[in-house]
Amino acid sequence: MSGRPCTYCPEPDADVCVRVQPPAAGSAHIFAHRKCAQDRGVTWWYAIVDEPTAAPR
């Protein structure tokens, strides 16, 4: 995975986005582990299914 931090626990490799901050707050996507979000009743927006690849040149 990517090493994205989970907003609810100290473990890396979060796999879902649970919130998107507005531009005034830095336009960040906030990630969590699917289980961490479910345990807290948080609905996630989208799942990370694959790492992006470089565009062909």
PDB file of N, CA and C in Angstrom:
ATOM      1  N   MET A   1       0.838  -1.195   0.000  1.00  0.00           N
ATOM      2  CA  MET A   1       0.000   0.000   0.000  1.00  0.00           C
ATOM      3  C   MET A   1       0.874   1.245   0.000  1.00  0.00           C
ATOM      4  N   SER A   2       0.309   2.340   0.400  1.00  0.00           N
ATOM      5  CA  SER A   2       0.959   3.621   0.189  1.00  0.00           C
ATOM      6  C   SER A   2       1.603   4.239   1.414  1.00  0.00           C
ATOM      7  N   GLY A   3       1.273   3.774   2.592  1.00  0.00           N
ATOM      8  CA  GLY A   3       1.774   4.421   3.784  1.00  0.00           C
ATOM      9  C   GLY A   3       0.913   5.587   4.240  1.00  0.00           C
ATOM     10  N   ARG A   4      -0.286   5.762   3.653  1.00  0.00           N
ATOM     11  CA  ARG A   4      -1.181   6.843   4.100  1.00  0.00           C
ATOM     12  C   ARG A   4      -1.534   6.634   5.557  1.00  0.00           C
ATOM     13  N   PRO A   5      -1.425   7.672   6.391  1.00  0.00           N
ATOM     14  CA  PRO A   5      -1.781   7.505   7.803  1.00  0.00           C
ATOM     15  C   PRO A   5      -3.298   7.435   7.989  1.00  0.00           C
ATOM     16  N   CYS A   6      -3.705   6.664   8.981  1.00  0.00           N
ATOM     17  CA  CYS A   6      -5.112   6.571   9.357  1.00  0.00           C
ATOM     18  C   CYS A   6      -5.394   7.686  10.356  1.00  0.00           C
ATOM     19  N   THR A   7      -6.507   8.363  10.190  1.00  0.00           N
ATOM     20  CA  THR A   7      -6.848   9.444  11.110  1.00  0.00           C
ATOM     21  C   THR A   7      -7.302   8.924  12.480  1.00  0.00           C
ATOM     22  N   TYR A   8      -7.623   7.620  12.582  1.00  0.00           N
ATOM     23  CA  TYR A   8      -8.156   7.068  13.824  1.00  0.00           C
ATOM     24  C   TYR A   8      -7.193   6.158  14.582  1.00  0.00           C
ATOM     25  N   CYS A   9      -6.099   5.728  13.964  1.00  0.00           N
ATOM     26  CA  CYS A   9      -5.149   4.855  14.655  1.00  0.00           C
ATOM     27  C   CYS A   9      -3.739   5.160  14.150  1.00  0.00           C
ATOM     28  N   PRO A  10      -2.715   4.664  14.820  1.00  0.00           N
ATOM     29  CA  PRO A  10      -1.341   4.988  14.420  1.00  0.00           C
ATOM     30  C   PRO A  10      -0.786   4.138  13.269  1.00  0.00           C
ATOM     31  N   GLU A  11      -1.558   3.188  12.761  1.00  0.00           N
ATOM     32  CA  GLU A  11      -1.062   2.294  11.716  1.00  0.00           C
ATOM     33  C   GLU A  11      -1.082   2.966  10.336  1.00  0.00           C
ATOM     34  N   PRO A  12      -0.121   2.636   9.466  1.00  0.00           N
ATOM     35  CA  PRO A  12      -0.097   3.186   8.098  1.00  0.00           C
ATOM     36  C   PRO A  12      -1.048   2.418   7.174  1.00  0.00           C
ATOM     37  N   ASP A  13      -1.038   2.790   5.929  1.00  0.00           N
ATOM     38  CA  ASP A  13      -1.772   2.101   4.855  1.00  0.00           C
ATOM     39  C   ASP A  13      -3.285   2.215   4.955  1.00  0.00           C
ATOM     40  N   ALA A  14      -3.775   3.403   5.274  1.00  0.00           N
ATOM     41  CA  ALA A  14      -5.216   3.646   5.264  1.00  0.00           C
ATOM     42  C   ALA A  14      -5.746   3.394   3.858  1.00  0.00           C
ATOM     43  N   ASP A  15      -6.963   2.862   3.762  1.00  0.00           N
ATOM     44  CA  ASP A  15      -7.464   2.446   2.455  1.00  0.00           C
ATOM     45  C   ASP A  15      -8.772   3.089   2.016  1.00  0.00           C
ATOM     46  N   VAL A  16      -9.317   4.025   2.807  1.00  0.00           N
ATOM     47  CA  VAL A  16     -10.522   4.745   2.386  1.00  0.00           C
ATOM     48  C   VAL A  16     -10.393   6.227   2.738  1.00  0.00           C
ATOM     49  N   CYS A  17     -11.086   7.064   1.982  1.00  0.00           N
ATOM     50  CA  CYS A  17     -11.144   8.498   2.284  1.00  0.00           C
ATOM     51  C   CYS A  17     -12.421   8.749   3.067  1.00  0.00           C
ATOM     52  N   VAL A  18     -12.289   9.407   4.218  1.00  0.00           N
ATOM     53  CA  VAL A  18     -13.456   9.677   5.062  1.00  0.00           C
ATOM     54  C   VAL A  18     -13.881  11.141   5.059  1.00  0.00           C
ATOM     55  N   ARG A  19     -13.046  12.014   4.513  1.00  0.00           N
ATOM     56  CA  ARG A  19     -13.386  13.444   4.507  1.00  0.00           C
ATOM     57  C   ARG A  19     -12.459  14.168   3.548  1.00  0.00           C
ATOM     58  N   VAL A  20     -12.952  15.251   2.977  1.00  0.00           N
ATOM     59  CA  VAL A  20     -12.131  16.138   2.161  1.00  0.00           C
ATOM     60  C   VAL A  20     -12.247  17.530   2.760  1.00  0.00           C
ATOM     61  N   GLN A  21     -11.120  18.100   3.146  1.00  0.00           N
ATOM     62  CA  GLN A  21     -11.131  19.437   3.728  1.00  0.00           C
ATOM     63  C   GLN A  21     -11.321  20.474   2.628  1.00  0.00           C
ATOM     64  N   PRO A  22     -12.009  21.566   2.925  1.00  0.00           N
ATOM     65  CA  PRO A  22     -12.197  22.636   1.948  1.00  0.00           C
ATOM     66  C   PRO A  22     -10.875  23.351   1.671  1.00  0.00           C
ATOM     67  N   PRO A  23     -10.807  24.082   0.561  1.00  0.00           N
ATOM     68  CA  PRO A  23      -9.575  24.798   0.216  1.00  0.00           C
ATOM     69  C   PRO A  23      -9.041  25.687   1.335  1.00  0.00           C
ATOM     70  N   ALA A  24      -9.901  26.322   2.083  1.00  0.00           N
ATOM     71  CA  ALA A  24      -9.453  27.204   3.160  1.00  0.00           C
ATOM     72  C   ALA A  24      -8.713  26.435   4.257  1.00  0.00           C
ATOM     73  N   ALA A  25      -8.998  25.141   4.356  1.00  0.00           N
ATOM     74  CA  ALA A  25      -8.343  24.309   5.378  1.00  0.00           C
ATOM     75  C   ALA A  25      -7.199  23.487   4.801  1.00  0.00           C
ATOM     76  N   GLY A  26      -6.860  23.716   3.536  1.00  0.00           N
ATOM     77  CA  GLY A  26      -5.726  23.023   2.952  1.00  0.00           C
ATOM     78  C   GLY A  26      -6.056  21.981   1.901  1.00  0.00           C
ATOM     79  N   SER A  27      -7.304  21.788   1.559  1.00  0.00           N
ATOM     80  CA  SER A  27      -7.733  20.852   0.511  1.00  0.00           C
ATOM     81  C   SER A  27      -7.173  19.443   0.678  1.00  0.00           C
ATOM     82  N   ALA A  28      -7.078  18.965   1.885  1.00  0.00           N
ATOM     83  CA  ALA A  28      -6.523  17.640   2.124  1.00  0.00           C
ATOM     84  C   ALA A  28      -7.613  16.571   2.115  1.00  0.00           C
ATOM     85  N   HIS A  29      -7.247  15.391   1.648  1.00  0.00           N
ATOM     86  CA  HIS A  29      -8.110  14.222   1.751  1.00  0.00           C
ATOM     87  C   HIS A  29      -7.701  13.508   3.039  1.00  0.00           C
ATOM     88  N   ILE A  30      -8.678  13.161   3.870  1.00  0.00           N
ATOM     89  CA  ILE A  30      -8.423  12.528   5.162  1.00  0.00           C
ATOM     90  C   ILE A  30      -8.729  11.039   5.022  1.00  0.00           C
ATOM     91  N   PHE A  31      -7.731  10.210   5.336  1.00  0.00           N
ATOM     92  CA  PHE A  31      -7.846   8.770   5.117  1.00  0.00           C
ATOM     93  C   PHE A  31      -7.967   8.000   6.419  1.00  0.00           C
ATOM     94  N   ALA A  32      -8.522   6.796   6.314  1.00  0.00           N
ATOM     95  CA  ALA A  32      -8.647   5.883   7.450  1.00  0.00           C
ATOM     96  C   ALA A  32      -8.643   4.459   6.922  1.00  0.00           C
ATOM     97  N   HIS A  33      -8.493   3.530   7.840  1.00  0.00           N
ATOM     98  CA  HIS A  33      -8.699   2.129   7.489  1.00  0.00           C
ATOM     99  C   HIS A  33     -10.209   1.904   7.456  1.00  0.00           C
ATOM    100  N   ARG A  34     -10.654   1.078   6.555  1.00  0.00           N
ATOM    101  CA  ARG A  34     -12.085   0.796   6.431  1.00  0.00           C
ATOM    102  C   ARG A  34     -12.667   0.338   7.778  1.00  0.00           C
ATOM    103  N   LYS A  35     -11.969  -0.562   8.476  1.00  0.00           N
ATOM    104  CA  LYS A  35     -12.458  -1.070   9.769  1.00  0.00           C
ATOM    105  C   LYS A  35     -12.502   0.031  10.825  1.00  0.00           C
ATOM    106  N   CYS A  36     -11.494   0.902  10.853  1.00  0.00           N
ATOM    107  CA  CYS A  36     -11.491   2.009  11.820  1.00  0.00           C
ATOM    108  C   CYS A  36     -12.692   2.925  11.596  1.00  0.00           C
ATOM    109  N   ALA A  37     -12.988   3.219  10.334  1.00  0.00           N
ATOM    110  CA  ALA A  37     -14.139   4.072  10.016  1.00  0.00           C
ATOM    111  C   ALA A  37     -15.441   3.371  10.403  1.00  0.00           C
ATOM    112  N   GLN A  38     -15.570   2.088  10.049  1.00  0.00           N
ATOM    113  CA  GLN A  38     -16.787   1.346  10.369  1.00  0.00           C
ATOM    114  C   GLN A  38     -17.005   1.268  11.879  1.00  0.00           C
ATOM    115  N   ASP A  39     -15.932   1.035  12.634  1.00  0.00           N
ATOM    116  CA  ASP A  39     -16.043   0.948  14.093  1.00  0.00           C
ATOM    117  C   ASP A  39     -16.555   2.248  14.709  1.00  0.00           C
ATOM    118  N   ARG A  40     -16.367   3.364  14.023  1.00  0.00           N
ATOM    119  CA  ARG A  40     -16.791   4.668  14.534  1.00  0.00           C
ATOM    120  C   ARG A  40     -18.064   5.177  13.867  1.00  0.00           C
ATOM    121  N   GLY A  41     -18.647   4.364  12.993  1.00  0.00           N
ATOM    122  CA  GLY A  41     -19.874   4.752  12.311  1.00  0.00           C
ATOM    123  C   GLY A  41     -19.662   5.814  11.245  1.00  0.00           C
ATOM    124  N   VAL A  42     -18.432   5.920  10.746  1.00  0.00           N
ATOM    125  CA  VAL A  42     -18.102   6.930   9.736  1.00  0.00           C
ATOM    126  C   VAL A  42     -18.286   6.333   8.348  1.00  0.00           C
ATOM    127  N   THR A  43     -19.055   7.008   7.526  1.00  0.00           N
ATOM    128  CA  THR A  43     -19.230   6.588   6.142  1.00  0.00           C
ATOM    129  C   THR A  43     -18.064   7.103   5.325  1.00  0.00           C
ATOM    130  N   TRP A  44     -17.425   6.213   4.578  1.00  0.00           N
ATOM    131  CA  TRP A  44     -16.288   6.652   3.766  1.00  0.00           C
ATOM    132  C   TRP A  44     -16.762   7.054   2.374  1.00  0.00           C
ATOM    133  N   TRP A  45     -15.986   7.921   1.721  1.00  0.00           N
ATOM    134  CA  TRP A  45     -16.345   8.486   0.418  1.00  0.00           C
ATOM    135  C   TRP A  45     -15.886   7.609  -0.730  1.00  0.00           C
ATOM    136  N   TYR A  46     -14.636   7.152  -0.661  1.00  0.00           N
ATOM    137  CA  TYR A  46     -14.121   6.279  -1.714  1.00  0.00           C
ATOM    138  C   TYR A  46     -12.989   5.435  -1.156  1.00  0.00           C
ATOM    139  N   ALA A  47     -12.750   4.304  -1.821  1.00  0.00           N
ATOM    140  CA  ALA A  47     -11.683   3.394  -1.408  1.00  0.00           C
ATOM    141  C   ALA A  47     -10.492   3.536  -2.341  1.00  0.00           C
ATOM    142  N   ILE A  48      -9.316   3.331  -1.785  1.00  0.00           N
ATOM    143  CA  ILE A  48      -8.095   3.317  -2.582  1.00  0.00           C
ATOM    144  C   ILE A  48      -7.940   1.889  -3.088  1.00  0.00           C
ATOM    145  N   VAL A  49      -7.996   1.710  -4.385  1.00  0.00           N
ATOM    146  CA  VAL A  49      -7.935   0.363  -4.935  1.00  0.00           C
ATOM    147  C   VAL A  49      -6.622   0.061  -5.636  1.00  0.00           C
ATOM    148  N   ASP A  50      -5.898   1.079  -6.031  1.00  0.00           N
ATOM    149  CA  ASP A  50      -4.660   0.856  -6.752  1.00  0.00           C
ATOM    150  C   ASP A  50      -3.820   2.123  -6.689  1.00  0.00           C
ATOM    151  N   GLU A  51      -2.534   1.961  -6.701  1.00  0.00           N
ATOM    152  CA  GLU A  51      -1.658   3.108  -6.752  1.00  0.00           C
ATOM    153  C   GLU A  51      -1.648   3.683  -8.167  1.00  0.00           C
ATOM    154  N   PRO A  52      -1.556   4.987  -8.314  1.00  0.00           N
ATOM    155  CA  PRO A  52      -1.500   5.575  -9.655  1.00  0.00           C
ATOM    156  C   PRO A  52      -0.225   5.148 -10.367  1.00  0.00           C
ATOM    157  N   THR A  53      -0.322   5.048 -11.658  1.00  0.00           N
ATOM    158  CA  THR A  53       0.867   4.726 -12.461  1.00  0.00           C
ATOM    159  C   THR A  53       1.236   5.938 -13.295  1.00  0.00           C
ATOM    160  N   ALA A  54       2.466   5.983 -13.718  1.00  0.00           N
ATOM    161  CA  ALA A  54       2.923   7.091 -14.552  1.00  0.00           C
ATOM    162  C   ALA A  54       2.269   6.998 -15.928  1.00  0.00           C
ATOM    163  N   ALA A  55       1.933   8.138 -16.480  1.00  0.00           N
ATOM    164  CA  ALA A  55       1.366   8.178 -17.816  1.00  0.00           C
ATOM    165  C   ALA A  55       2.420   7.782 -18.839  1.00  0.00           C
ATOM    166  N   PRO A  56       2.015   7.080 -19.889  1.00  0.00           N
ATOM    167  CA  PRO A  56       3.001   6.724 -20.917  1.00  0.00           C
ATOM    168  C   PRO A  56       3.544   7.959 -21.602  1.00  0.00           C
ATOM    169  N   ARG A  57       4.780   7.887 -21.988  1.00  0.00           N
ATOM    170  CA  ARG A  57       5.398   9.036 -22.665  1.00  0.00           C
ATOM    171  C   ARG A  57       5.423   8.863 -24.147  1.00  0.00           C
TER     172      ARG A  57
END
